[in-house]
Amino acid sequence: MLFALGFSFGTLRVLVVAPRLGVLGATLLEVPLMLAAAFFICRWAIGRWHVPPVLSARGAMVLWFLVLLALFETLVGVAFFGRTLAGTWAGLATPAGLIGLTAQIIAALLPLYVGRSGRR
């Protein structure tokens, strides 16, 4: 769900918002929305699949998220935006890329914190 939402928001960011606000401005607008969505989707997934609040289970969620995100980001960059592999990963060194990467890392780490007290 989060990848689909990210693809939708990313497409709007690149095609609609970035031409008006610039790449950095568009990224700064998108990040809080994606982090809020990531929190609620993470909370839902943990409850839906009854993921126990132990490091091994939550750590597996973190690792799967990071692996799938890296694959998805690379494939979308190459397939839909005509970027090379090097160009896709070099984009992370820009200010907007670093902000986006930081947000992705925060989203990936959410399973370690969401729902730990047993509240859902």
PDB file of N, CA and C in Angstrom:
ATOM      1  N   MET A   1       0.819  -1.191   0.000  1.00  0.00           N
ATOM      2  CA  MET A   1       0.000   0.000   0.000  1.00  0.00           C
ATOM      3  C   MET A   1       0.867   1.260   0.000  1.00  0.00           C
ATOM      4  N   LEU A   2       1.902   1.222   0.831  1.00  0.00           N
ATOM      5  CA  LEU A   2       2.752   2.411   0.923  1.00  0.00           C
ATOM      6  C   LEU A   2       3.528   2.645  -0.370  1.00  0.00           C
ATOM      7  N   PHE A   3       3.969   1.566  -1.021  1.00  0.00           N
ATOM      8  CA  PHE A   3       4.682   1.735  -2.287  1.00  0.00           C
ATOM      9  C   PHE A   3       3.765   2.322  -3.351  1.00  0.00           C
ATOM     10  N   ALA A   4       2.517   1.875  -3.396  1.00  0.00           N
ATOM     11  CA  ALA A   4       1.552   2.408  -4.369  1.00  0.00           C
ATOM     12  C   ALA A   4       1.292   3.886  -4.096  1.00  0.00           C
ATOM     13  N   LEU A   5       1.120   4.225  -2.828  1.00  0.00           N
ATOM     14  CA  LEU A   5       0.904   5.626  -2.471  1.00  0.00           C
ATOM     15  C   LEU A   5       2.140   6.454  -2.807  1.00  0.00           C
ATOM     16  N   GLY A   6       3.316   5.924  -2.503  1.00  0.00           N
ATOM     17  CA  GLY A   6       4.561   6.623  -2.819  1.00  0.00           C
ATOM     18  C   GLY A   6       4.736   6.845  -4.308  1.00  0.00           C
ATOM     19  N   PHE A   7       4.352   5.841  -5.105  1.00  0.00           N
ATOM     20  CA  PHE A   7       4.433   5.989  -6.556  1.00  0.00           C
ATOM     21  C   PHE A   7       3.491   7.091  -7.016  1.00  0.00           C
ATOM     22  N   SER A   8       2.276   7.105  -6.477  1.00  0.00           N
ATOM     23  CA  SER A   8       1.296   8.128  -6.851  1.00  0.00           C
ATOM     24  C   SER A   8       1.767   9.518  -6.441  1.00  0.00           C
ATOM     25  N   PHE A   9       2.190   9.660  -5.184  1.00  0.00           N
ATOM     26  CA  PHE A   9       2.684  10.951  -4.709  1.00  0.00           C
ATOM     27  C   PHE A   9       3.938  11.369  -5.467  1.00  0.00           C
ATOM     28  N   GLY A  10       4.830  10.424  -5.732  1.00  0.00           N
ATOM     29  CA  GLY A  10       6.055  10.731  -6.459  1.00  0.00           C
ATOM     30  C   GLY A  10       5.776  11.227  -7.865  1.00  0.00           C
ATOM     31  N   THR A  11       4.805  10.607  -8.520  1.00  0.00           N
ATOM     32  CA  THR A  11       4.430  11.037  -9.867  1.00  0.00           C
ATOM     33  C   THR A  11       3.872  12.458  -9.823  1.00  0.00           C
ATOM     34  N   LEU A  12       2.985  12.737  -8.868  1.00  0.00           N
ATOM     35  CA  LEU A  12       2.449  14.095  -8.716  1.00  0.00           C
ATOM     36  C   LEU A  12       3.555  15.091  -8.376  1.00  0.00           C
ATOM     37  N   ARG A  13       4.479  14.652  -7.506  1.00  0.00           N
ATOM     38  CA  ARG A  13       5.581  15.537  -7.116  1.00  0.00           C
ATOM     39  C   ARG A  13       6.417  15.930  -8.322  1.00  0.00           C
ATOM     40  N   VAL A  14       6.775  14.939  -9.138  1.00  0.00           N
ATOM     41  CA  VAL A  14       7.665  15.186 -10.273  1.00  0.00           C
ATOM     42  C   VAL A  14       6.951  15.966 -11.386  1.00  0.00           C
ATOM     43  N   LEU A  15       5.729  15.568 -11.698  1.00  0.00           N
ATOM     44  CA  LEU A  15       5.046  16.143 -12.859  1.00  0.00           C
ATOM     45  C   LEU A  15       4.275  17.427 -12.568  1.00  0.00           C
ATOM     46  N   VAL A  16       3.774  17.590 -11.340  1.00  0.00           N
ATOM     47  CA  VAL A  16       2.899  18.730 -11.053  1.00  0.00           C
ATOM     48  C   VAL A  16       3.530  19.713 -10.075  1.00  0.00           C
ATOM     49  N   VAL A  17       4.022  19.212  -8.953  1.00  0.00           N
ATOM     50  CA  VAL A  17       4.471  20.115  -7.892  1.00  0.00           C
ATOM     51  C   VAL A  17       5.882  20.657  -8.137  1.00  0.00           C
ATOM     52  N   ALA A  18       6.817  19.803  -8.538  1.00  0.00           N
ATOM     53  CA  ALA A  18       8.205  20.241  -8.730  1.00  0.00           C
ATOM     54  C   ALA A  18       8.350  21.364  -9.759  1.00  0.00           C
ATOM     55  N   PRO A  19       7.608  21.347 -10.873  1.00  0.00           N
ATOM     56  CA  PRO A  19       7.741  22.476 -11.793  1.00  0.00           C
ATOM     57  C   PRO A  19       7.318  23.816 -11.182  1.00  0.00           C
ATOM     58  N   ARG A  20       6.471  23.764 -10.161  1.00  0.00           N
ATOM     59  CA  ARG A  20       5.995  24.998  -9.524  1.00  0.00           C
ATOM     60  C   ARG A  20       6.835  25.406  -8.305  1.00  0.00           C
ATOM     61  N   LEU A  21       7.226  24.417  -7.499  1.00  0.00           N
ATOM     62  CA  LEU A  21       7.940  24.716  -6.251  1.00  0.00           C
ATOM     63  C   LEU A  21       9.414  24.362  -6.282  1.00  0.00           C
ATOM     64  N   GLY A  22       9.845  23.684  -7.325  1.00  0.00           N
ATOM     65  CA  GLY A  22      11.207  23.179  -7.382  1.00  0.00           C
ATOM     66  C   GLY A  22      11.256  21.799  -6.741  1.00  0.00           C
ATOM     67  N   VAL A  23      12.323  21.075  -7.016  1.00  0.00           N
ATOM     68  CA  VAL A  23      12.460  19.699  -6.533  1.00  0.00           C
ATOM     69  C   VAL A  23      12.495  19.663  -5.006  1.00  0.00           C
ATOM     70  N   LEU A  24      13.259  20.554  -4.396  1.00  0.00           N
ATOM     71  CA  LEU A  24      13.378  20.561  -2.943  1.00  0.00           C
ATOM     72  C   LEU A  24      12.045  20.914  -2.283  1.00  0.00           C
ATOM     73  N   GLY A  25      11.382  21.933  -2.767  1.00  0.00           N
ATOM     74  CA  GLY A  25      10.085  22.327  -2.218  1.00  0.00           C
ATOM     75  C   GLY A  25       9.050  21.225  -2.346  1.00  0.00           C
ATOM     76  N   ALA A  26       9.036  20.562  -3.484  1.00  0.00           N
ATOM     77  CA  ALA A  26       8.087  19.471  -3.699  1.00  0.00           C
ATOM     78  C   ALA A  26       8.381  18.308  -2.748  1.00  0.00           C
ATOM     79  N   THR A  27       9.647  18.035  -2.528  1.00  0.00           N
ATOM     80  CA  THR A  27      10.029  16.960  -1.607  1.00  0.00           C
ATOM     81  C   THR A  27       9.619  17.308  -0.185  1.00  0.00           C
ATOM     82  N   LEU A  28       9.856  18.543   0.223  1.00  0.00           N
ATOM     83  CA  LEU A  28       9.484  18.977   1.571  1.00  0.00           C
ATOM     84  C   LEU A  28       7.969  18.931   1.785  1.00  0.00           C
ATOM     85  N   LEU A  29       7.208  19.124   0.735  1.00  0.00           N
ATOM     86  CA  LEU A  29       5.748  19.018   0.822  1.00  0.00           C
ATOM     87  C   LEU A  29       5.305  17.559   0.919  1.00  0.00           C
ATOM     88  N   GLU A  30       5.975  16.680   0.196  1.00  0.00           N
ATOM     89  CA  GLU A  30       5.580  15.272   0.145  1.00  0.00           C
ATOM     90  C   GLU A  30       5.973  14.487   1.394  1.00  0.00           C
ATOM     91  N   VAL A  31       7.121  14.772   1.970  1.00  0.00           N
ATOM     92  CA  VAL A  31       7.666  13.958   3.070  1.00  0.00           C
ATOM     93  C   VAL A  31       6.717  13.833   4.263  1.00  0.00           C
ATOM     94  N   PRO A  32       6.139  14.909   4.792  1.00  0.00           N
ATOM     95  CA  PRO A  32       5.254  14.721   5.948  1.00  0.00           C
ATOM     96  C   PRO A  32       4.026  13.863   5.618  1.00  0.00           C
ATOM     97  N   LEU A  33       3.514  14.001   4.411  1.00  0.00           N
ATOM     98  CA  LEU A  33       2.360  13.191   4.002  1.00  0.00           C
ATOM     99  C   LEU A  33       2.720  11.714   3.947  1.00  0.00           C
ATOM    100  N   MET A  34       3.884  11.418   3.378  1.00  0.00           N
ATOM    101  CA  MET A  34       4.314  10.022   3.271  1.00  0.00           C
ATOM    102  C   MET A  34       4.637   9.429   4.645  1.00  0.00           C
ATOM    103  N   LEU A  35       5.242  10.210   5.532  1.00  0.00           N
ATOM    104  CA  LEU A  35       5.556   9.687   6.863  1.00  0.00           C
ATOM    105  C   LEU A  35       4.284   9.429   7.668  1.00  0.00           C
ATOM    106  N   ALA A  36       3.309  10.303   7.540  1.00  0.00           N
ATOM    107  CA  ALA A  36       2.027  10.068   8.216  1.00  0.00           C
ATOM    108  C   ALA A  36       1.373   8.803   7.669  1.00  0.00           C
ATOM    109  N   ALA A  37       1.360   8.658   6.364  1.00  0.00           N
ATOM    110  CA  ALA A  37       0.786   7.459   5.744  1.00  0.00           C
ATOM    111  C   ALA A  37       1.557   6.219   6.182  1.00  0.00           C
ATOM    112  N   ALA A  38       2.880   6.313   6.237  1.00  0.00           N
ATOM    113  CA  ALA A  38       3.707   5.171   6.647  1.00  0.00           C
ATOM    114  C   ALA A  38       3.374   4.744   8.072  1.00  0.00           C
ATOM    115  N   PHE A  39       3.158   5.707   8.948  1.00  0.00           N
ATOM    116  CA  PHE A  39       2.811   5.390  10.332  1.00  0.00           C
ATOM    117  C   PHE A  39       1.502   4.605  10.398  1.00  0.00           C
ATOM    118  N   PHE A  40       0.474   5.117   9.734  1.00  0.00           N
ATOM    119  CA  PHE A  40      -0.835   4.458   9.803  1.00  0.00           C
ATOM    120  C   PHE A  40      -0.840   3.102   9.101  1.00  0.00           C
ATOM    121  N   ILE A  41      -0.148   2.999   7.983  1.00  0.00           N
ATOM    122  CA  ILE A  41      -0.072   1.716   7.278  1.00  0.00           C
ATOM    123  C   ILE A  41       0.733   0.710   8.093  1.00  0.00           C
ATOM    124  N   CYS A  42       1.802   1.160   8.728  1.00  0.00           N
ATOM    125  CA  CYS A  42       2.603   0.280   9.583  1.00  0.00           C
ATOM    126  C   CYS A  42       1.761  -0.226  10.747  1.00  0.00           C
ATOM    127  N   ARG A  43       1.040   0.678  11.383  1.00  0.00           N
ATOM    128  CA  ARG A  43       0.183   0.286  12.504  1.00  0.00           C
ATOM    129  C   ARG A  43      -0.870  -0.726  12.064  1.00  0.00           C
ATOM    130  N   TRP A  44      -1.465  -0.494  10.904  1.00  0.00           N
ATOM    131  CA  TRP A  44      -2.463  -1.419  10.372  1.00  0.00           C
ATOM    132  C   TRP A  44      -1.838  -2.789  10.089  1.00  0.00           C
ATOM    133  N   ALA A  45      -0.669  -2.800   9.435  1.00  0.00           N
ATOM    134  CA  ALA A  45      -0.013  -4.068   9.071  1.00  0.00           C
ATOM    135  C   ALA A  45       0.382  -4.871  10.307  1.00  0.00           C
ATOM    136  N   ILE A  46       0.894  -4.198  11.309  1.00  0.00           N
ATOM    137  CA  ILE A  46       1.285  -4.882  12.541  1.00  0.00           C
ATOM    138  C   ILE A  46       0.062  -5.526  13.196  1.00  0.00           C
ATOM    139  N   GLY A  47      -1.036  -4.796  13.223  1.00  0.00           N
ATOM    140  CA  GLY A  47      -2.264  -5.349  13.780  1.00  0.00           C
ATOM    141  C   GLY A  47      -2.860  -6.443  12.923  1.00  0.00           C
ATOM    142  N   ARG A  48      -2.835  -6.250  11.626  1.00  0.00           N
ATOM    143  CA  ARG A  48      -3.432  -7.220  10.689  1.00  0.00           C
ATOM    144  C   ARG A  48      -2.725  -8.560  10.753  1.00  0.00           C
ATOM    145  N   TRP A  49      -1.402  -8.532  10.807  1.00  0.00           N
ATOM    146  CA  TRP A  49      -0.633  -9.778  10.805  1.00  0.00           C
ATOM    147  C   TRP A  49      -0.138 -10.165  12.202  1.00  0.00           C
ATOM    148  N   HIS A  50      -0.621  -9.460  13.228  1.00  0.00           N
ATOM    149  CA  HIS A  50      -0.299  -9.783  14.621  1.00  0.00           C
ATOM    150  C   HIS A  50       1.212  -9.958  14.829  1.00  0.00           C
ATOM    151  N   VAL A  51       1.954  -8.963  14.357  1.00  0.00           N
ATOM    152  CA  VAL A  51       3.416  -9.011  14.480  1.00  0.00           C
ATOM    153  C   VAL A  51       3.786  -8.734  15.937  1.00  0.00           C
ATOM    154  N   PRO A  52       4.462  -9.671  16.579  1.00  0.00           N
ATOM    155  CA  PRO A  52       4.810  -9.468  17.992  1.00  0.00           C
ATOM    156  C   PRO A  52       5.849  -8.355  18.151  1.00  0.00           C
ATOM    157  N   PRO A  53       5.818  -7.691  19.310  1.00  0.00           N
ATOM    158  CA  PRO A  53       6.768  -6.592  19.532  1.00  0.00           C
ATOM    159  C   PRO A  53       8.146  -7.088  19.969  1.00  0.00           C
ATOM    160  N   VAL A  54       8.708  -8.013  19.208  1.00  0.00           N
ATOM    161  CA  VAL A  54      10.053  -8.505  19.485  1.00  0.00           C
ATOM    162  C   VAL A  54      10.970  -8.068  18.348  1.00  0.00           C
ATOM    163  N   LEU A  55      12.221  -7.861  18.678  1.00  0.00           N
ATOM    164  CA  LEU A  55      13.175  -7.316  17.705  1.00  0.00           C
ATOM    165  C   LEU A  55      13.302  -8.182  16.461  1.00  0.00           C
ATOM    166  N   SER A  56      13.274  -9.492  16.597  1.00  0.00           N
ATOM    167  CA  SER A  56      13.455 -10.346  15.421  1.00  0.00           C
ATOM    168  C   SER A  56      12.321 -10.164  14.414  1.00  0.00           C
ATOM    169  N   ALA A  57      11.085 -10.102  14.885  1.00  0.00           N
ATOM    170  CA  ALA A  57       9.944  -9.936  13.978  1.00  0.00           C
ATOM    171  C   ALA A  57       9.912  -8.534  13.376  1.00  0.00           C
ATOM    172  N   ARG A  58      10.101  -7.541  14.228  1.00  0.00           N
ATOM    173  CA  ARG A  58      10.054  -6.153  13.746  1.00  0.00           C
ATOM    174  C   ARG A  58      11.278  -5.846  12.876  1.00  0.00           C
ATOM    175  N   GLY A  59      12.416  -6.407  13.237  1.00  0.00           N
ATOM    176  CA  GLY A  59      13.618  -6.222  12.419  1.00  0.00           C
ATOM    177  C   GLY A  59      13.453  -6.816  11.034  1.00  0.00           C
ATOM    178  N   ALA A  60      12.765  -7.948  10.947  1.00  0.00           N
ATOM    179  CA  ALA A  60      12.490  -8.547   9.642  1.00  0.00           C
ATOM    180  C   ALA A  60      11.632  -7.621   8.795  1.00  0.00           C
ATOM    181  N   MET A  61      10.658  -6.964   9.436  1.00  0.00           N
ATOM    182  CA  MET A  61       9.833  -5.987   8.699  1.00  0.00           C
ATOM    183  C   MET A  61      10.696  -4.849   8.161  1.00  0.00           C
ATOM    184  N   VAL A  62      11.598  -4.361   8.990  1.00  0.00           N
ATOM    185  CA  VAL A  62      12.487  -3.265   8.587  1.00  0.00           C
ATOM    186  C   VAL A  62      13.337  -3.684   7.384  1.00  0.00           C
ATOM    187  N   LEU A  63      13.955  -4.845   7.478  1.00  0.00           N
ATOM    188  CA  LEU A  63      14.824  -5.314   6.391  1.00  0.00           C
ATOM    189  C   LEU A  63      14.047  -5.536   5.103  1.00  0.00           C
ATOM    190  N   TRP A  64      12.881  -6.180   5.188  1.00  0.00           N
ATOM    191  CA  TRP A  64      12.066  -6.390   3.984  1.00  0.00           C
ATOM    192  C   TRP A  64      11.674  -5.062   3.359  1.00  0.00           C
ATOM    193  N   PHE A  65      11.277  -4.101   4.184  1.00  0.00           N
ATOM    194  CA  PHE A  65      10.897  -2.791   3.672  1.00  0.00           C
ATOM    195  C   PHE A  65      12.065  -2.149   2.926  1.00  0.00           C
ATOM    196  N   LEU A  66      13.249  -2.167   3.524  1.00  0.00           N
ATOM    197  CA  LEU A  66      14.409  -1.535   2.890  1.00  0.00           C
ATOM    198  C   LEU A  66      14.791  -2.228   1.578  1.00  0.00           C
ATOM    199  N   VAL A  67      14.765  -3.546   1.558  1.00  0.00           N
ATOM    200  CA  VAL A  67      15.108  -4.287   0.333  1.00  0.00           C
ATOM    201  C   VAL A  67      14.082  -3.990  -0.766  1.00  0.00           C
ATOM    202  N   LEU A  68      12.802  -4.092  -0.420  1.00  0.00           N
ATOM    203  CA  LEU A  68      11.761  -3.834  -1.424  1.00  0.00           C
ATOM    204  C   LEU A  68      11.787  -2.386  -1.891  1.00  0.00           C
ATOM    205  N   LEU A  69      12.027  -1.459  -0.979  1.00  0.00           N
ATOM    206  CA  LEU A  69      12.094  -0.048  -1.345  1.00  0.00           C
ATOM    207  C   LEU A  69      13.250   0.220  -2.306  1.00  0.00           C
ATOM    208  N   ALA A  70      14.419  -0.336  -2.030  1.00  0.00           N
ATOM    209  CA  ALA A  70      15.569  -0.139  -2.915  1.00  0.00           C
ATOM    210  C   ALA A  70      15.287  -0.707  -4.305  1.00  0.00           C
ATOM    211  N   LEU A  71      14.705  -1.882  -4.350  1.00  0.00           N
ATOM    212  CA  LEU A  71      14.354  -2.477  -5.647  1.00  0.00           C
ATOM    213  C   LEU A  71      13.315  -1.638  -6.383  1.00  0.00           C
ATOM    214  N   PHE A  72      12.283  -1.247  -5.668  1.00  0.00           N
ATOM    215  CA  PHE A  72      11.201  -0.469  -6.272  1.00  0.00           C
ATOM    216  C   PHE A  72      11.713   0.877  -6.783  1.00  0.00           C
ATOM    217  N   GLU A  73      12.463   1.579  -5.957  1.00  0.00           N
ATOM    218  CA  GLU A  73      13.012   2.885  -6.364  1.00  0.00           C
ATOM    219  C   GLU A  73      13.871   2.753  -7.616  1.00  0.00           C
ATOM    220  N   THR A  74      14.700   1.733  -7.651  1.00  0.00           N
ATOM    221  CA  THR A  74      15.581   1.521  -8.795  1.00  0.00           C
ATOM    222  C   THR A  74      14.781   1.184 -10.044  1.00  0.00           C
ATOM    223  N   LEU A  75      13.848   0.253  -9.919  1.00  0.00           N
ATOM    224  CA  LEU A  75      13.042  -0.142 -11.080  1.00  0.00           C
ATOM    225  C   LEU A  75      12.202   1.003 -11.622  1.00  0.00           C
ATOM    226  N   VAL A  76      11.585   1.771 -10.747  1.00  0.00           N
ATOM    227  CA  VAL A  76      10.765   2.901 -11.193  1.00  0.00           C
ATOM    228  C   VAL A  76      11.634   3.953 -11.877  1.00  0.00           C
ATOM    229  N   GLY A  77      12.784   4.254 -11.282  1.00  0.00           N
ATOM    230  CA  GLY A  77      13.687   5.234 -11.879  1.00  0.00           C
ATOM    231  C   GLY A  77      14.145   4.833 -13.267  1.00  0.00           C
ATOM    232  N   VAL A  78      14.466   3.564 -13.443  1.00  0.00           N
ATOM    233  CA  VAL A  78      14.948   3.075 -14.737  1.00  0.00           C
ATOM    234  C   VAL A  78      13.802   2.926 -15.732  1.00  0.00           C
ATOM    235  N   ALA A  79      12.722   2.279 -15.310  1.00  0.00           N
ATOM    236  CA  ALA A  79      11.631   1.948 -16.231  1.00  0.00           C
ATOM    237  C   ALA A  79      10.769   3.144 -16.619  1.00  0.00           C
ATOM    238  N   PHE A  80      10.447   4.013 -15.657  1.00  0.00           N
ATOM    239  CA  PHE A  80       9.491   5.085 -15.941  1.00  0.00           C
ATOM    240  C   PHE A  80      10.123   6.440 -16.195  1.00  0.00           C
ATOM    241  N   PHE A  81      11.322   6.664 -15.678  1.00  0.00           N
ATOM    242  CA  PHE A  81      11.940   7.972 -15.824  1.00  0.00           C
ATOM    243  C   PHE A  81      13.215   7.936 -16.657  1.00  0.00           C
ATOM    244  N   GLY A  82      13.539   6.778 -17.223  1.00  0.00           N
ATOM    245  CA  GLY A  82      14.673   6.654 -18.122  1.00  0.00           C
ATOM    246  C   GLY A  82      16.029   6.912 -17.482  1.00  0.00           C
ATOM    247  N   ARG A  83      16.115   6.761 -16.166  1.00  0.00           N
ATOM    248  CA  ARG A  83      17.389   6.977 -15.491  1.00  0.00           C
ATOM    249  C   ARG A  83      18.261   5.735 -15.607  1.00  0.00           C
ATOM    250  N   THR A  84      19.532   5.943 -15.492  1.00  0.00           N
ATOM    251  CA  THR A  84      20.455   4.809 -15.390  1.00  0.00           C
ATOM    252  C   THR A  84      20.490   4.383 -13.923  1.00  0.00           C
ATOM    253  N   LEU A  85      21.070   3.218 -13.672  1.00  0.00           N
ATOM    254  CA  LEU A  85      21.220   2.794 -12.279  1.00  0.00           C
ATOM    255  C   LEU A  85      22.058   3.803 -11.501  1.00  0.00           C
ATOM    256  N   ALA A  86      23.152   4.234 -12.098  1.00  0.00           N
ATOM    257  CA  ALA A  86      24.028   5.200 -11.430  1.00  0.00           C
ATOM    258  C   ALA A  86      23.303   6.521 -11.193  1.00  0.00           C
ATOM    259  N   GLY A  87      22.533   6.960 -12.183  1.00  0.00           N
ATOM    260  CA  GLY A  87      21.787   8.203 -12.049  1.00  0.00           C
ATOM    261  C   GLY A  87      20.717   8.137 -10.982  1.00  0.00           C
ATOM    262  N   THR A  88      20.075   6.999 -10.893  1.00  0.00           N
ATOM    263  CA  THR A  88      19.046   6.816  -9.875  1.00  0.00           C
ATOM    264  C   THR A  88      19.648   6.943  -8.484  1.00  0.00           C
ATOM    265  N   TRP A  89      20.765   6.264  -8.252  1.00  0.00           N
ATOM    266  CA  TRP A  89      21.380   6.297  -6.925  1.00  0.00           C
ATOM    267  C   TRP A  89      22.129   7.604  -6.673  1.00  0.00           C
ATOM    268  N   ALA A  90      22.624   8.258  -7.721  1.00  0.00           N
ATOM    269  CA  ALA A  90      23.305   9.544  -7.548  1.00  0.00           C
ATOM    270  C   ALA A  90      22.328  10.623  -7.102  1.00  0.00           C
ATOM    271  N   GLY A  91      21.062  10.463  -7.473  1.00  0.00           N
ATOM    272  CA  GLY A  91      20.037  11.423  -7.063  1.00  0.00           C
ATOM    273  C   GLY A  91      19.879  11.510  -5.553  1.00  0.00           C
ATOM    274  N   LEU A  92      20.308  10.486  -4.851  1.00  0.00           N
ATOM    275  CA  LEU A  92      20.216  10.492  -3.391  1.00  0.00           C
ATOM    276  C   LEU A  92      21.206  11.447  -2.748  1.00  0.00           C
ATOM    277  N   ALA A  93      22.211  11.895  -3.489  1.00  0.00           N
ATOM    278  CA  ALA A  93      23.228  12.802  -2.952  1.00  0.00           C
ATOM    279  C   ALA A  93      22.805  14.265  -3.036  1.00  0.00           C
ATOM    280  N   THR A  94      21.670  14.554  -3.653  1.00  0.00           N
ATOM    281  CA  THR A  94      21.166  15.925  -3.737  1.00  0.00           C
ATOM    282  C   THR A  94      20.438  16.268  -2.435  1.00  0.00           C
ATOM    283  N   PRO A  95      20.206  17.555  -2.156  1.00  0.00           N
ATOM    284  CA  PRO A  95      19.451  17.900  -0.939  1.00  0.00           C
ATOM    285  C   PRO A  95      18.068  17.211  -0.890  1.00  0.00           C
ATOM    286  N   ALA A  96      17.339  17.247  -1.988  1.00  0.00           N
ATOM    287  CA  ALA A  96      16.030  16.593  -2.014  1.00  0.00           C
ATOM    288  C   ALA A  96      16.183  15.081  -1.860  1.00  0.00           C
ATOM    289  N   GLY A  97      17.199  14.519  -2.465  1.00  0.00           N
ATOM    290  CA  GLY A  97      17.442  13.085  -2.364  1.00  0.00           C
ATOM    291  C   GLY A  97      17.776  12.673  -0.944  1.00  0.00           C
ATOM    292  N   LEU A  98      18.575  13.471  -0.264  1.00  0.00           N
ATOM    293  CA  LEU A  98      18.934  13.162   1.130  1.00  0.00           C
ATOM    294  C   LEU A  98      17.726  13.276   2.054  1.00  0.00           C
ATOM    295  N   ILE A  99      16.877  14.265   1.815  1.00  0.00           N
ATOM    296  CA  ILE A  99      15.659  14.402   2.618  1.00  0.00           C
ATOM    297  C   ILE A  99      14.747  13.208   2.365  1.00  0.00           C
ATOM    298  N   GLY A 100      14.597  12.833   1.112  1.00  0.00           N
ATOM    299  CA  GLY A 100      13.770  11.671   0.781  1.00  0.00           C
ATOM    300  C   GLY A 100      14.328  10.390   1.370  1.00  0.00           C
ATOM    301  N   LEU A 101      15.625  10.209   1.284  1.00  0.00           N
ATOM    302  CA  LEU A 101      16.263   9.015   1.846  1.00  0.00           C
ATOM    303  C   LEU A 101      16.091   8.966   3.363  1.00  0.00           C
ATOM    304  N   THR A 102      16.253  10.107   4.022  1.00  0.00           N
ATOM    305  CA  THR A 102      16.053  10.165   5.469  1.00  0.00           C
ATOM    306  C   THR A 102      14.622   9.775   5.833  1.00  0.00           C
ATOM    307  N   ALA A 103      13.663  10.279   5.082  1.00  0.00           N
ATOM    308  CA  ALA A 103      12.257   9.933   5.330  1.00  0.00           C
ATOM    309  C   ALA A 103      12.013   8.443   5.098  1.00  0.00           C
ATOM    310  N   GLN A 104      12.641   7.883   4.090  1.00  0.00           N
ATOM    311  CA  GLN A 104      12.482   6.449   3.822  1.00  0.00           C
ATOM    312  C   GLN A 104      13.072   5.611   4.950  1.00  0.00           C
ATOM    313  N   ILE A 105      14.188   6.033   5.485  1.00  0.00           N
ATOM    314  CA  ILE A 105      14.798   5.312   6.604  1.00  0.00           C
ATOM    315  C   ILE A 105      13.901   5.404   7.842  1.00  0.00           C
ATOM    316  N   ILE A 106      13.354   6.598   8.088  1.00  0.00           N
ATOM    317  CA  ILE A 106      12.427   6.756   9.221  1.00  0.00           C
ATOM    318  C   ILE A 106      11.220   5.844   9.030  1.00  0.00           C
ATOM    319  N   ALA A 107      10.659   5.814   7.827  1.00  0.00           N
ATOM    320  CA  ALA A 107       9.508   4.948   7.545  1.00  0.00           C
ATOM    321  C   ALA A 107       9.874   3.479   7.739  1.00  0.00           C
ATOM    322  N   ALA A 108      11.064   3.105   7.317  1.00  0.00           N
ATOM    323  CA  ALA A 108      11.498   1.713   7.459  1.00  0.00           C
ATOM    324  C   ALA A 108      11.641   1.323   8.921  1.00  0.00           C
ATOM    325  N   LEU A 109      12.044   2.260   9.771  1.00  0.00           N
ATOM    326  CA  LEU A 109      12.260   1.965  11.184  1.00  0.00           C
ATOM    327  C   LEU A 109      10.980   1.992  12.019  1.00  0.00           C
ATOM    328  N   LEU A 110       9.892   2.452  11.457  1.00  0.00           N
ATOM    329  CA  LEU A 110       8.636   2.545  12.207  1.00  0.00           C
ATOM    330  C   LEU A 110       8.211   1.241  12.887  1.00  0.00           C
ATOM    331  N   PRO A 111       8.373   0.083  12.254  1.00  0.00           N
ATOM    332  CA  PRO A 111       7.943  -1.150  12.941  1.00  0.00           C
ATOM    333  C   PRO A 111       8.630  -1.380  14.287  1.00  0.00           C
ATOM    334  N   LEU A 112       9.787  -0.780  14.490  1.00  0.00           N
ATOM    335  CA  LEU A 112      10.482  -0.949  15.768  1.00  0.00           C
ATOM    336  C   LEU A 112       9.798  -0.179  16.895  1.00  0.00           C
ATOM    337  N   TYR A 113       8.966   0.804  16.546  1.00  0.00           N
ATOM    338  CA  TYR A 113       8.354   1.684  17.545  1.00  0.00           C
ATOM    339  C   TYR A 113       6.832   1.623  17.575  1.00  0.00           C
ATOM    340  N   VAL A 114       6.207   1.354  16.460  1.00  0.00           N
ATOM    341  CA  VAL A 114       4.746   1.377  16.371  1.00  0.00           C
ATOM    342  C   VAL A 114       4.150   0.163  17.074  1.00  0.00           C
ATOM    343  N   GLY A 115       3.181   0.420  17.949  1.00  0.00           N
ATOM    344  CA  GLY A 115       2.454  -0.664  18.595  1.00  0.00           C
ATOM    345  C   GLY A 115       3.229  -1.446  19.627  1.00  0.00           C
ATOM    346  N   ARG A 116       4.318  -0.912  20.132  1.00  0.00           N
ATOM    347  CA  ARG A 116       5.131  -1.649  21.113  1.00  0.00           C
ATOM    348  C   ARG A 116       4.443  -1.805  22.454  1.00  0.00           C
ATOM    349  N   SER A 117       3.560  -0.867  22.808  1.00  0.00           N
ATOM    350  CA  SER A 117       2.915  -0.938  24.109  1.00  0.00           C
ATOM    351  C   SER A 117       1.695  -1.843  24.096  1.00  0.00           C
ATOM    352  N   GLY A 118       1.407  -2.433  22.937  1.00  0.00           N
ATOM    353  CA  GLY A 118       0.234  -3.283  22.832  1.00  0.00           C
ATOM    354  C   GLY A 118      -0.985  -2.554  22.330  1.00  0.00           C
ATOM    355  N   ARG A 119      -0.932  -1.202  22.319  1.00  0.00           N
ATOM    356  CA  ARG A 119      -2.040  -0.413  21.762  1.00  0.00           C
ATOM    357  C   ARG A 119      -1.971  -0.455  20.261  1.00  0.00           C
ATOM    358  N   ARG A 120      -3.126  -0.478  19.627  1.00  0.00           N
ATOM    359  CA  ARG A 120      -3.158  -0.490  18.170  1.00  0.00           C
ATOM    360  C   ARG A 120      -4.050   0.598  17.694  1.00  0.00           C
TER     361      ARG A 120
END
